[in-house]
Amino acid sequence: MFDKGNSCQGVVLFAHGAGAGMDHPFMLQMDELLAAKGLQVIRFEFPYMTKRREDGKKRPPDRMPVLLAHYKKQIESVIENTKLPVYIAGKSMGGRVASMLLDDTDAKACFAFGYPFHPPRKPESLRTEHLVDIEKPVYIFQGTRDAMGNQEEVLHYALSESVHLHWLEDGDHDLKPRKASGYSQTMHLEQIAQKVEEIIS
């Protein structure tokens, strides 16, 4: 799905998370905010989510090799059809897959919104091996109380200097803060869009 930004500065290929497809409110709002910053946003779905949309049956994500192959095919297709710089991005699982592919593609950088550093309540099961020596820039926008990697945990991880962490106060895995914090999810997403614009400018 394409959303063209005004005076386009680049293309962002945007993948969904494990439990919800490309039309989830988070995806739509982030898409709209990035497009307003002059980016062409392309959302797509992994095979398991396409099947779920077709038959209505909830199913788990495809195995990682399938996710990687499908995302890589999307990247190659976009790069073949544009002269603009291409960035890859994703919500949670989508961001993880994008970051795993980054160094082997012509994409300029990766934006991960709520990176799943580990499964909930399993902080010992890290998903950071490829982030230790990744060379291209990865920008991770993470809630400070994310159950899949909060600020206190993540600051102790060994990560490449190419991994840039941007913390969103009191945000959970969907970057949603509690009302008492004085912040809102919309405020955090607007902050992300502003930061992305600064990065690509």
N, C-alpha and C. Protein backbone atom coordinates (compact mmCIF):
# COMPACT_ATOMS: atom_id res chain seq x y z
N MET A 1 0.84 -1.18 0.00
CA MET A 1 0.00 0.00 0.00
C MET A 1 0.88 1.24 0.00
N PHE A 2 0.62 2.17 -0.93
CA PHE A 2 1.44 3.36 -1.09
C PHE A 2 0.76 4.60 -0.50
N ASP A 3 1.54 5.44 0.15
CA ASP A 3 1.08 6.76 0.56
C ASP A 3 2.19 7.73 0.19
N LYS A 4 1.94 8.60 -0.76
CA LYS A 4 2.97 9.50 -1.24
C LYS A 4 3.08 10.74 -0.37
N GLY A 5 4.29 11.03 0.06
CA GLY A 5 4.52 12.24 0.82
C GLY A 5 4.67 13.42 -0.12
N ASN A 6 4.54 14.62 0.41
CA ASN A 6 4.72 15.82 -0.39
C ASN A 6 6.21 16.08 -0.58
N SER A 7 6.62 16.51 -1.79
CA SER A 7 8.02 16.77 -2.12
C SER A 7 8.89 15.64 -1.55
N CYS A 8 8.72 14.47 -2.10
CA CYS A 8 9.25 13.23 -1.55
C CYS A 8 10.76 13.24 -1.33
N GLN A 9 11.18 12.91 -0.11
CA GLN A 9 12.59 12.85 0.24
C GLN A 9 13.14 11.43 0.23
N GLY A 10 12.26 10.46 0.16
CA GLY A 10 12.70 9.08 0.18
C GLY A 10 11.52 8.15 0.34
N VAL A 11 11.82 6.86 0.27
CA VAL A 11 10.78 5.83 0.39
C VAL A 11 11.03 5.03 1.66
N VAL A 12 9.98 4.82 2.43
CA VAL A 12 10.05 3.98 3.63
C VAL A 12 9.18 2.75 3.41
N LEU A 13 9.81 1.58 3.41
CA LEU A 13 9.09 0.31 3.31
C LEU A 13 8.78 -0.13 4.74
N PHE A 14 7.50 -0.27 5.06
CA PHE A 14 7.05 -0.37 6.45
C PHE A 14 6.31 -1.69 6.69
N ALA A 15 6.90 -2.56 7.53
CA ALA A 15 6.33 -3.87 7.83
C ALA A 15 5.62 -3.89 9.18
N HIS A 16 4.58 -4.69 9.27
CA HIS A 16 3.78 -4.78 10.49
C HIS A 16 4.41 -5.70 11.54
N GLY A 17 3.80 -5.74 12.72
CA GLY A 17 4.24 -6.61 13.80
C GLY A 17 3.60 -7.98 13.70
N ALA A 18 3.85 -8.82 14.70
CA ALA A 18 3.41 -10.21 14.64
C ALA A 18 1.90 -10.38 14.69
N GLY A 19 1.22 -9.54 15.47
CA GLY A 19 -0.20 -9.80 15.72
C GLY A 19 -1.21 -9.01 14.93
N ALA A 20 -0.78 -7.98 14.22
CA ALA A 20 -1.73 -7.13 13.49
C ALA A 20 -1.15 -6.74 12.14
N GLY A 21 -2.02 -6.57 11.15
CA GLY A 21 -1.59 -6.30 9.79
C GLY A 21 -1.29 -4.84 9.49
N MET A 22 -1.18 -4.55 8.20
CA MET A 22 -0.73 -3.23 7.77
C MET A 22 -1.78 -2.14 7.96
N ASP A 23 -3.03 -2.52 8.27
CA ASP A 23 -4.06 -1.51 8.49
C ASP A 23 -4.38 -1.29 9.97
N HIS A 24 -3.50 -1.77 10.85
CA HIS A 24 -3.66 -1.52 12.28
C HIS A 24 -3.52 -0.01 12.53
N PRO A 25 -4.26 0.55 13.49
CA PRO A 25 -4.20 1.99 13.75
C PRO A 25 -2.79 2.54 13.93
N PHE A 26 -1.90 1.78 14.59
CA PHE A 26 -0.51 2.23 14.76
C PHE A 26 0.15 2.42 13.40
N MET A 27 -0.02 1.43 12.52
CA MET A 27 0.57 1.49 11.19
C MET A 27 0.02 2.68 10.40
N LEU A 28 -1.28 2.87 10.46
CA LEU A 28 -1.91 3.95 9.71
C LEU A 28 -1.47 5.32 10.20
N GLN A 29 -1.40 5.48 11.52
CA GLN A 29 -1.01 6.78 12.06
C GLN A 29 0.45 7.09 11.78
N MET A 30 1.32 6.09 11.94
CA MET A 30 2.73 6.29 11.66
C MET A 30 2.95 6.60 10.19
N ASP A 31 2.24 5.91 9.34
CA ASP A 31 2.28 6.14 7.90
C ASP A 31 1.91 7.59 7.59
N GLU A 32 0.81 8.05 8.14
CA GLU A 32 0.32 9.41 7.88
C GLU A 32 1.33 10.46 8.35
N LEU A 33 1.91 10.25 9.51
CA LEU A 33 2.87 11.21 10.05
C LEU A 33 4.15 11.25 9.23
N LEU A 34 4.63 10.10 8.78
CA LEU A 34 5.83 10.06 7.95
C LEU A 34 5.58 10.68 6.58
N ALA A 35 4.41 10.41 6.01
CA ALA A 35 4.06 10.99 4.71
C ALA A 35 4.02 12.51 4.79
N ALA A 36 3.55 13.03 5.92
CA ALA A 36 3.48 14.48 6.12
C ALA A 36 4.88 15.10 6.20
N LYS A 37 5.89 14.27 6.46
CA LYS A 37 7.26 14.75 6.53
C LYS A 37 7.98 14.61 5.19
N GLY A 38 7.25 14.27 4.15
CA GLY A 38 7.85 14.19 2.82
C GLY A 38 8.41 12.83 2.45
N LEU A 39 7.86 11.78 3.04
CA LEU A 39 8.30 10.43 2.73
C LEU A 39 7.20 9.65 2.03
N GLN A 40 7.58 8.83 1.08
CA GLN A 40 6.63 7.92 0.45
C GLN A 40 6.65 6.63 1.26
N VAL A 41 5.54 6.30 1.87
CA VAL A 41 5.47 5.13 2.74
C VAL A 41 4.78 3.98 2.01
N ILE A 42 5.40 2.82 2.05
CA ILE A 42 4.83 1.63 1.43
C ILE A 42 4.65 0.57 2.51
N ARG A 43 3.40 0.25 2.79
CA ARG A 43 3.10 -0.81 3.75
C ARG A 43 2.84 -2.11 3.00
N PHE A 44 3.19 -3.23 3.62
CA PHE A 44 2.94 -4.53 3.00
C PHE A 44 2.70 -5.55 4.10
N GLU A 45 2.27 -6.74 3.71
CA GLU A 45 2.01 -7.79 4.70
C GLU A 45 2.81 -9.05 4.39
N PHE A 46 3.18 -9.75 5.44
CA PHE A 46 3.85 -11.03 5.30
C PHE A 46 2.81 -12.08 4.89
N PRO A 47 3.26 -13.21 4.31
CA PRO A 47 2.32 -14.21 3.78
C PRO A 47 1.27 -14.69 4.78
N TYR A 48 1.65 -14.93 6.04
CA TYR A 48 0.68 -15.45 7.01
C TYR A 48 -0.44 -14.45 7.28
N MET A 49 -0.10 -13.17 7.23
CA MET A 49 -1.12 -12.14 7.48
C MET A 49 -2.05 -11.99 6.27
N THR A 50 -1.50 -12.18 5.08
CA THR A 50 -2.33 -12.15 3.88
C THR A 50 -3.34 -13.29 3.91
N LYS A 51 -2.89 -14.48 4.33
CA LYS A 51 -3.80 -15.63 4.44
C LYS A 51 -4.87 -15.37 5.50
N ARG A 52 -4.45 -14.77 6.60
CA ARG A 52 -5.40 -14.46 7.66
C ARG A 52 -6.47 -13.48 7.17
N ARG A 53 -6.06 -12.52 6.37
CA ARG A 53 -7.01 -11.56 5.82
C ARG A 53 -7.99 -12.25 4.87
N GLU A 54 -7.50 -13.26 4.15
CA GLU A 54 -8.34 -13.95 3.17
C GLU A 54 -9.37 -14.87 3.82
N ASP A 55 -8.96 -15.61 4.87
CA ASP A 55 -9.89 -16.59 5.44
C ASP A 55 -10.36 -16.26 6.86
N GLY A 56 -9.81 -15.20 7.45
CA GLY A 56 -10.24 -14.79 8.78
C GLY A 56 -9.71 -15.64 9.92
N LYS A 57 -8.84 -16.60 9.61
CA LYS A 57 -8.30 -17.49 10.64
C LYS A 57 -7.00 -16.92 11.20
N LYS A 58 -6.96 -16.80 12.52
CA LYS A 58 -5.75 -16.29 13.17
C LYS A 58 -4.67 -17.36 13.12
N ARG A 59 -3.47 -16.97 12.75
CA ARG A 59 -2.36 -17.92 12.65
C ARG A 59 -1.07 -17.24 13.10
N PRO A 60 -0.10 -18.03 13.53
CA PRO A 60 1.17 -17.45 13.98
C PRO A 60 1.99 -16.94 12.80
N PRO A 61 2.99 -16.11 13.06
CA PRO A 61 3.84 -15.62 11.98
C PRO A 61 4.54 -16.76 11.25
N ASP A 62 4.91 -16.49 10.01
CA ASP A 62 5.72 -17.44 9.26
C ASP A 62 7.06 -17.61 9.97
N ARG A 63 7.77 -18.67 9.66
CA ARG A 63 9.11 -18.88 10.21
C ARG A 63 10.04 -17.80 9.68
N MET A 64 11.09 -17.50 10.42
CA MET A 64 11.96 -16.39 10.08
C MET A 64 12.51 -16.44 8.65
N PRO A 65 12.95 -17.59 8.12
CA PRO A 65 13.43 -17.60 6.74
C PRO A 65 12.38 -17.10 5.74
N VAL A 66 11.12 -17.41 5.98
CA VAL A 66 10.04 -16.96 5.10
C VAL A 66 9.85 -15.45 5.23
N LEU A 67 9.88 -14.95 6.46
CA LEU A 67 9.74 -13.51 6.70
C LEU A 67 10.87 -12.75 6.03
N LEU A 68 12.09 -13.24 6.19
CA LEU A 68 13.25 -12.58 5.60
C LEU A 68 13.17 -12.56 4.08
N ALA A 69 12.83 -13.70 3.50
CA ALA A 69 12.76 -13.79 2.04
C ALA A 69 11.68 -12.87 1.48
N HIS A 70 10.54 -12.81 2.16
CA HIS A 70 9.44 -11.98 1.68
C HIS A 70 9.79 -10.49 1.78
N TYR A 71 10.37 -10.09 2.91
CA TYR A 71 10.75 -8.68 3.06
C TYR A 71 11.83 -8.31 2.05
N LYS A 72 12.80 -9.20 1.85
CA LYS A 72 13.87 -8.90 0.90
C LYS A 72 13.33 -8.71 -0.50
N LYS A 73 12.33 -9.51 -0.87
CA LYS A 73 11.70 -9.38 -2.18
C LYS A 73 11.04 -8.01 -2.32
N GLN A 74 10.39 -7.55 -1.25
CA GLN A 74 9.76 -6.23 -1.26
C GLN A 74 10.80 -5.13 -1.44
N ILE A 75 11.92 -5.26 -0.73
CA ILE A 75 12.99 -4.27 -0.83
C ILE A 75 13.53 -4.20 -2.26
N GLU A 76 13.81 -5.35 -2.83
CA GLU A 76 14.35 -5.40 -4.18
C GLU A 76 13.40 -4.78 -5.18
N SER A 77 12.12 -5.04 -5.02
CA SER A 77 11.11 -4.49 -5.93
C SER A 77 11.06 -2.97 -5.84
N VAL A 78 11.09 -2.45 -4.63
CA VAL A 78 11.03 -1.00 -4.44
C VAL A 78 12.28 -0.33 -5.02
N ILE A 79 13.45 -0.89 -4.73
CA ILE A 79 14.70 -0.30 -5.21
C ILE A 79 14.76 -0.30 -6.73
N GLU A 80 14.22 -1.33 -7.35
CA GLU A 80 14.21 -1.41 -8.82
C GLU A 80 13.31 -0.35 -9.44
N ASN A 81 12.34 0.14 -8.67
CA ASN A 81 11.32 1.02 -9.23
C ASN A 81 11.37 2.46 -8.71
N THR A 82 12.47 2.84 -8.08
CA THR A 82 12.58 4.22 -7.63
C THR A 82 14.03 4.67 -7.68
N LYS A 83 14.21 5.97 -7.86
CA LYS A 83 15.55 6.55 -7.81
C LYS A 83 15.77 7.26 -6.47
N LEU A 84 14.74 7.24 -5.64
CA LEU A 84 14.82 7.87 -4.33
C LEU A 84 15.55 6.96 -3.34
N PRO A 85 16.15 7.53 -2.30
CA PRO A 85 16.75 6.68 -1.26
C PRO A 85 15.67 5.85 -0.58
N VAL A 86 16.02 4.61 -0.26
CA VAL A 86 15.06 3.68 0.34
C VAL A 86 15.47 3.36 1.78
N TYR A 87 14.50 3.43 2.67
CA TYR A 87 14.69 3.09 4.08
C TYR A 87 13.74 1.94 4.42
N ILE A 88 14.17 1.06 5.30
CA ILE A 88 13.29 -0.05 5.69
C ILE A 88 12.91 0.12 7.16
N ALA A 89 11.68 -0.27 7.47
CA ALA A 89 11.16 -0.01 8.81
C ALA A 89 10.17 -1.08 9.21
N GLY A 90 9.83 -1.08 10.49
CA GLY A 90 8.83 -2.04 10.94
C GLY A 90 8.43 -1.83 12.38
N LYS A 91 7.22 -2.28 12.65
CA LYS A 91 6.71 -2.31 14.02
C LYS A 91 7.08 -3.65 14.63
N SER A 92 7.78 -3.63 15.76
CA SER A 92 8.12 -4.85 16.49
C SER A 92 8.79 -5.90 15.58
N MET A 93 8.13 -7.02 15.32
CA MET A 93 8.70 -8.07 14.49
C MET A 93 9.15 -7.55 13.14
N GLY A 94 8.36 -6.67 12.55
CA GLY A 94 8.72 -6.11 11.24
C GLY A 94 10.03 -5.35 11.29
N GLY A 95 10.27 -4.63 12.39
CA GLY A 95 11.52 -3.92 12.55
C GLY A 95 12.69 -4.86 12.76
N ARG A 96 12.44 -5.94 13.47
CA ARG A 96 13.49 -6.94 13.68
C ARG A 96 13.90 -7.55 12.34
N VAL A 97 12.93 -7.94 11.54
CA VAL A 97 13.23 -8.53 10.23
C VAL A 97 13.99 -7.53 9.36
N ALA A 98 13.54 -6.29 9.36
CA ALA A 98 14.21 -5.25 8.56
C ALA A 98 15.66 -5.10 8.98
N SER A 99 15.91 -5.07 10.29
CA SER A 99 17.28 -4.88 10.77
C SER A 99 18.17 -6.07 10.42
N MET A 100 17.60 -7.26 10.37
CA MET A 100 18.38 -8.45 10.01
C MET A 100 18.80 -8.43 8.55
N LEU A 101 18.03 -7.75 7.71
CA LEU A 101 18.31 -7.69 6.28
C LEU A 101 19.19 -6.50 5.89
N LEU A 102 19.20 -5.47 6.71
CA LEU A 102 19.74 -4.17 6.33
C LEU A 102 21.10 -4.21 5.64
N ASP A 103 22.08 -4.84 6.25
CA ASP A 103 23.44 -4.82 5.71
C ASP A 103 23.57 -5.54 4.37
N ASP A 104 22.62 -6.37 4.03
CA ASP A 104 22.69 -7.12 2.77
C ASP A 104 21.80 -6.52 1.69
N THR A 105 21.37 -5.28 1.88
CA THR A 105 20.52 -4.61 0.90
C THR A 105 21.09 -3.24 0.56
N ASP A 106 20.45 -2.57 -0.39
CA ASP A 106 20.85 -1.21 -0.76
C ASP A 106 20.05 -0.16 0.01
N ALA A 107 19.30 -0.58 1.02
CA ALA A 107 18.57 0.37 1.85
C ALA A 107 19.57 1.21 2.65
N LYS A 108 19.20 2.46 2.90
CA LYS A 108 20.11 3.39 3.57
C LYS A 108 20.18 3.18 5.08
N ALA A 109 19.04 2.85 5.68
CA ALA A 109 18.97 2.71 7.14
C ALA A 109 17.70 1.97 7.51
N CYS A 110 17.60 1.63 8.79
CA CYS A 110 16.42 0.93 9.31
C CYS A 110 15.82 1.71 10.47
N PHE A 111 14.49 1.79 10.49
CA PHE A 111 13.76 2.39 11.60
C PHE A 111 12.91 1.31 12.25
N ALA A 112 13.14 1.06 13.54
CA ALA A 112 12.38 0.03 14.25
C ALA A 112 11.55 0.69 15.35
N PHE A 113 10.25 0.44 15.31
CA PHE A 113 9.34 1.05 16.27
C PHE A 113 8.90 -0.01 17.29
N GLY A 114 9.50 0.03 18.48
CA GLY A 114 9.23 -1.00 19.48
C GLY A 114 9.95 -2.28 19.12
N TYR A 115 11.27 -2.30 19.28
CA TYR A 115 12.04 -3.49 18.90
C TYR A 115 11.84 -4.60 19.94
N PRO A 116 11.58 -5.83 19.49
CA PRO A 116 11.38 -6.95 20.42
C PRO A 116 12.73 -7.56 20.84
N PHE A 117 13.41 -6.89 21.75
CA PHE A 117 14.73 -7.36 22.18
C PHE A 117 14.67 -8.76 22.78
N HIS A 118 13.55 -9.11 23.38
CA HIS A 118 13.35 -10.45 23.94
C HIS A 118 11.85 -10.69 24.07
N PRO A 119 11.42 -11.95 24.18
CA PRO A 119 10.00 -12.22 24.41
C PRO A 119 9.58 -11.66 25.77
N PRO A 120 8.30 -11.38 25.97
CA PRO A 120 7.84 -10.89 27.27
C PRO A 120 8.19 -11.87 28.39
N ARG A 121 8.71 -11.34 29.48
CA ARG A 121 9.07 -12.13 30.68
C ARG A 121 10.19 -13.14 30.42
N LYS A 122 10.93 -12.96 29.33
CA LYS A 122 12.07 -13.83 29.05
C LYS A 122 13.29 -12.98 28.68
N PRO A 123 13.76 -12.16 29.59
CA PRO A 123 14.87 -11.24 29.28
C PRO A 123 16.17 -11.93 28.92
N GLU A 124 16.27 -13.22 29.24
CA GLU A 124 17.50 -13.95 28.92
C GLU A 124 17.54 -14.40 27.46
N SER A 125 16.39 -14.38 26.78
CA SER A 125 16.32 -14.85 25.38
C SER A 125 16.47 -13.67 24.42
N LEU A 126 17.68 -13.17 24.32
CA LEU A 126 17.92 -11.95 23.53
C LEU A 126 17.86 -12.19 22.02
N ARG A 127 17.37 -11.18 21.32
CA ARG A 127 17.31 -11.20 19.85
C ARG A 127 18.19 -10.07 19.32
N THR A 128 19.43 -10.08 19.75
CA THR A 128 20.33 -8.97 19.44
C THR A 128 21.62 -9.38 18.73
N GLU A 129 21.75 -10.66 18.42
CA GLU A 129 23.03 -11.14 17.87
C GLU A 129 23.49 -10.33 16.66
N HIS A 130 22.57 -10.05 15.73
CA HIS A 130 22.94 -9.32 14.51
C HIS A 130 23.18 -7.84 14.77
N LEU A 131 22.71 -7.34 15.91
CA LEU A 131 22.88 -5.92 16.23
C LEU A 131 24.24 -5.61 16.86
N VAL A 132 25.01 -6.64 17.14
CA VAL A 132 26.31 -6.45 17.77
C VAL A 132 27.31 -5.85 16.79
N ASP A 133 27.24 -6.28 15.54
CA ASP A 133 28.22 -5.81 14.55
C ASP A 133 27.58 -5.27 13.28
N ILE A 134 26.32 -4.87 13.34
CA ILE A 134 25.66 -4.31 12.17
C ILE A 134 26.37 -3.02 11.75
N GLU A 135 26.48 -2.78 10.45
CA GLU A 135 27.27 -1.65 9.96
C GLU A 135 26.42 -0.44 9.56
N LYS A 136 25.30 -0.68 8.91
CA LYS A 136 24.44 0.44 8.52
C LYS A 136 23.63 0.92 9.72
N PRO A 137 23.19 2.17 9.69
CA PRO A 137 22.47 2.71 10.85
C PRO A 137 21.09 2.12 11.09
N VAL A 138 20.86 1.77 12.35
CA VAL A 138 19.55 1.29 12.80
C VAL A 138 19.07 2.25 13.89
N TYR A 139 17.89 2.80 13.68
CA TYR A 139 17.31 3.74 14.65
C TYR A 139 16.14 3.04 15.34
N ILE A 140 16.30 2.80 16.63
CA ILE A 140 15.27 2.09 17.39
C ILE A 140 14.54 3.09 18.30
N PHE A 141 13.23 3.14 18.13
CA PHE A 141 12.38 4.01 18.94
C PHE A 141 11.66 3.11 19.94
N GLN A 142 12.01 3.25 21.20
CA GLN A 142 11.59 2.28 22.21
C GLN A 142 10.95 2.96 23.42
N GLY A 143 9.85 2.39 23.90
CA GLY A 143 9.23 2.88 25.12
C GLY A 143 10.08 2.51 26.32
N THR A 144 10.18 3.40 27.28
CA THR A 144 11.05 3.15 28.43
C THR A 144 10.59 1.97 29.28
N ARG A 145 9.30 1.59 29.17
CA ARG A 145 8.81 0.44 29.95
C ARG A 145 8.33 -0.69 29.04
N ASP A 146 8.92 -0.80 27.88
CA ASP A 146 8.58 -1.87 26.93
C ASP A 146 8.85 -3.23 27.56
N ALA A 147 7.85 -4.11 27.56
CA ALA A 147 8.00 -5.45 28.14
C ALA A 147 8.92 -6.34 27.33
N MET A 148 9.28 -5.90 26.13
CA MET A 148 10.21 -6.68 25.29
C MET A 148 11.58 -6.00 25.22
N GLY A 149 11.85 -5.17 26.20
CA GLY A 149 13.14 -4.49 26.27
C GLY A 149 12.96 -3.09 26.80
N ASN A 150 13.02 -2.93 28.13
CA ASN A 150 12.86 -1.60 28.71
C ASN A 150 14.20 -0.88 28.78
N GLN A 151 14.15 0.38 29.17
CA GLN A 151 15.36 1.19 29.15
C GLN A 151 16.46 0.64 30.05
N GLU A 152 16.09 0.21 31.23
CA GLU A 152 17.08 -0.31 32.18
C GLU A 152 17.79 -1.54 31.62
N GLU A 153 17.04 -2.41 30.95
CA GLU A 153 17.63 -3.62 30.38
C GLU A 153 18.52 -3.30 29.18
N VAL A 154 17.96 -2.55 28.25
CA VAL A 154 18.63 -2.35 26.95
C VAL A 154 19.94 -1.59 27.08
N LEU A 155 20.02 -0.68 28.03
CA LEU A 155 21.25 0.11 28.19
C LEU A 155 22.45 -0.75 28.56
N HIS A 156 22.21 -2.00 28.98
CA HIS A 156 23.31 -2.91 29.34
C HIS A 156 23.68 -3.85 28.18
N TYR A 157 22.96 -3.78 27.08
CA TYR A 157 23.25 -4.68 25.96
C TYR A 157 24.48 -4.21 25.18
N ALA A 158 25.21 -5.17 24.63
CA ALA A 158 26.33 -4.86 23.75
C ALA A 158 25.78 -4.70 22.33
N LEU A 159 25.73 -3.46 21.86
CA LEU A 159 25.18 -3.17 20.54
C LEU A 159 26.19 -2.38 19.71
N SER A 160 26.12 -2.54 18.42
CA SER A 160 26.99 -1.80 17.50
C SER A 160 26.81 -0.30 17.68
N GLU A 161 27.86 0.45 17.36
CA GLU A 161 27.76 1.91 17.39
C GLU A 161 26.79 2.42 16.33
N SER A 162 26.42 1.56 15.40
CA SER A 162 25.47 1.94 14.36
C SER A 162 24.02 1.86 14.84
N VAL A 163 23.81 1.32 16.04
CA VAL A 163 22.46 1.22 16.61
C VAL A 163 22.21 2.45 17.47
N HIS A 164 21.20 3.22 17.09
CA HIS A 164 20.87 4.46 17.79
C HIS A 164 19.52 4.30 18.50
N LEU A 165 19.52 4.46 19.80
CA LEU A 165 18.31 4.29 20.61
C LEU A 165 17.67 5.64 20.91
N HIS A 166 16.37 5.72 20.67
CA HIS A 166 15.62 6.94 21.00
C HIS A 166 14.50 6.52 21.95
N TRP A 167 14.55 7.01 23.18
CA TRP A 167 13.61 6.57 24.21
C TRP A 167 12.38 7.45 24.29
N LEU A 168 11.23 6.79 24.43
CA LEU A 168 9.95 7.48 24.53
C LEU A 168 9.39 7.26 25.93
N GLU A 169 9.28 8.33 26.66
CA GLU A 169 8.98 8.28 28.10
C GLU A 169 7.69 7.54 28.42
N ASP A 170 7.81 6.52 29.28
CA ASP A 170 6.69 5.74 29.81
C ASP A 170 5.99 4.89 28.74
N GLY A 171 6.55 4.81 27.55
CA GLY A 171 5.91 4.05 26.49
C GLY A 171 6.00 2.55 26.71
N ASP A 172 4.93 1.83 26.32
CA ASP A 172 4.96 0.37 26.36
C ASP A 172 5.41 -0.15 25.00
N HIS A 173 5.13 -1.41 24.68
CA HIS A 173 5.62 -1.96 23.42
C HIS A 173 4.96 -1.31 22.20
N ASP A 174 3.80 -0.72 22.40
CA ASP A 174 3.14 0.04 21.33
C ASP A 174 3.44 1.53 21.45
N LEU A 175 4.43 1.85 22.28
CA LEU A 175 4.85 3.23 22.51
C LEU A 175 3.75 4.06 23.15
N LYS A 176 2.85 3.37 23.84
CA LYS A 176 1.72 4.04 24.49
C LYS A 176 2.05 4.27 25.97
N PRO A 177 2.05 5.52 26.43
CA PRO A 177 2.31 5.81 27.84
C PRO A 177 1.03 5.78 28.66
N ARG A 178 1.17 5.73 29.97
CA ARG A 178 0.01 5.80 30.85
C ARG A 178 -0.47 7.25 30.94
N LYS A 179 -1.76 7.43 31.17
CA LYS A 179 -2.33 8.78 31.20
C LYS A 179 -1.65 9.67 32.22
N ALA A 180 -1.31 9.10 33.37
CA ALA A 180 -0.70 9.89 34.44
C ALA A 180 0.68 10.43 34.07
N SER A 181 1.28 9.90 33.00
CA SER A 181 2.62 10.33 32.61
C SER A 181 2.64 11.75 32.03
N GLY A 182 1.49 12.18 31.53
CA GLY A 182 1.43 13.49 30.88
C GLY A 182 1.77 13.43 29.40
N TYR A 183 2.07 12.22 28.91
CA TYR A 183 2.36 12.02 27.49
C TYR A 183 1.20 11.26 26.85
N SER A 184 1.23 11.16 25.53
CA SER A 184 0.24 10.36 24.81
C SER A 184 0.96 9.61 23.69
N GLN A 185 0.31 8.57 23.19
CA GLN A 185 0.91 7.82 22.08
C GLN A 185 1.07 8.72 20.86
N THR A 186 0.10 9.56 20.60
CA THR A 186 0.20 10.48 19.46
C THR A 186 1.40 11.40 19.60
N MET A 187 1.64 11.90 20.79
CA MET A 187 2.81 12.76 21.02
C MET A 187 4.09 12.00 20.70
N HIS A 188 4.16 10.75 21.12
CA HIS A 188 5.36 9.95 20.86
C HIS A 188 5.54 9.67 19.37
N LEU A 189 4.46 9.35 18.68
CA LEU A 189 4.57 9.07 17.25
C LEU A 189 4.95 10.32 16.48
N GLU A 190 4.45 11.46 16.89
CA GLU A 190 4.83 12.73 16.25
C GLU A 190 6.32 13.00 16.48
N GLN A 191 6.80 12.67 17.66
CA GLN A 191 8.22 12.84 17.97
C GLN A 191 9.07 11.94 17.08
N ILE A 192 8.60 10.72 16.86
CA ILE A 192 9.31 9.79 15.98
C ILE A 192 9.39 10.35 14.57
N ALA A 193 8.26 10.82 14.05
CA ALA A 193 8.23 11.35 12.69
C ALA A 193 9.18 12.53 12.54
N GLN A 194 9.22 13.37 13.55
CA GLN A 194 10.13 14.52 13.53
C GLN A 194 11.59 14.06 13.50
N LYS A 195 11.90 13.05 14.31
CA LYS A 195 13.26 12.53 14.37
C LYS A 195 13.65 11.87 13.05
N VAL A 196 12.74 11.13 12.45
CA VAL A 196 13.01 10.49 11.16
C VAL A 196 13.29 11.56 10.11
N GLU A 197 12.51 12.62 10.11
CA GLU A 197 12.73 13.71 9.16
C GLU A 197 14.13 14.30 9.33
N GLU A 198 14.55 14.49 10.56
CA GLU A 198 15.89 15.04 10.83
C GLU A 198 16.97 14.09 10.32
N ILE A 199 16.75 12.81 10.48
CA ILE A 199 17.75 11.81 10.07
C ILE A 199 17.94 11.79 8.56
N ILE A 200 16.84 11.87 7.82
CA ILE A 200 16.94 11.73 6.37
C ILE A 200 17.25 13.04 5.66
N SER A 201 17.13 14.16 6.37
CA SER A 201 17.36 15.47 5.74
C SER A 201 18.84 15.70 5.44
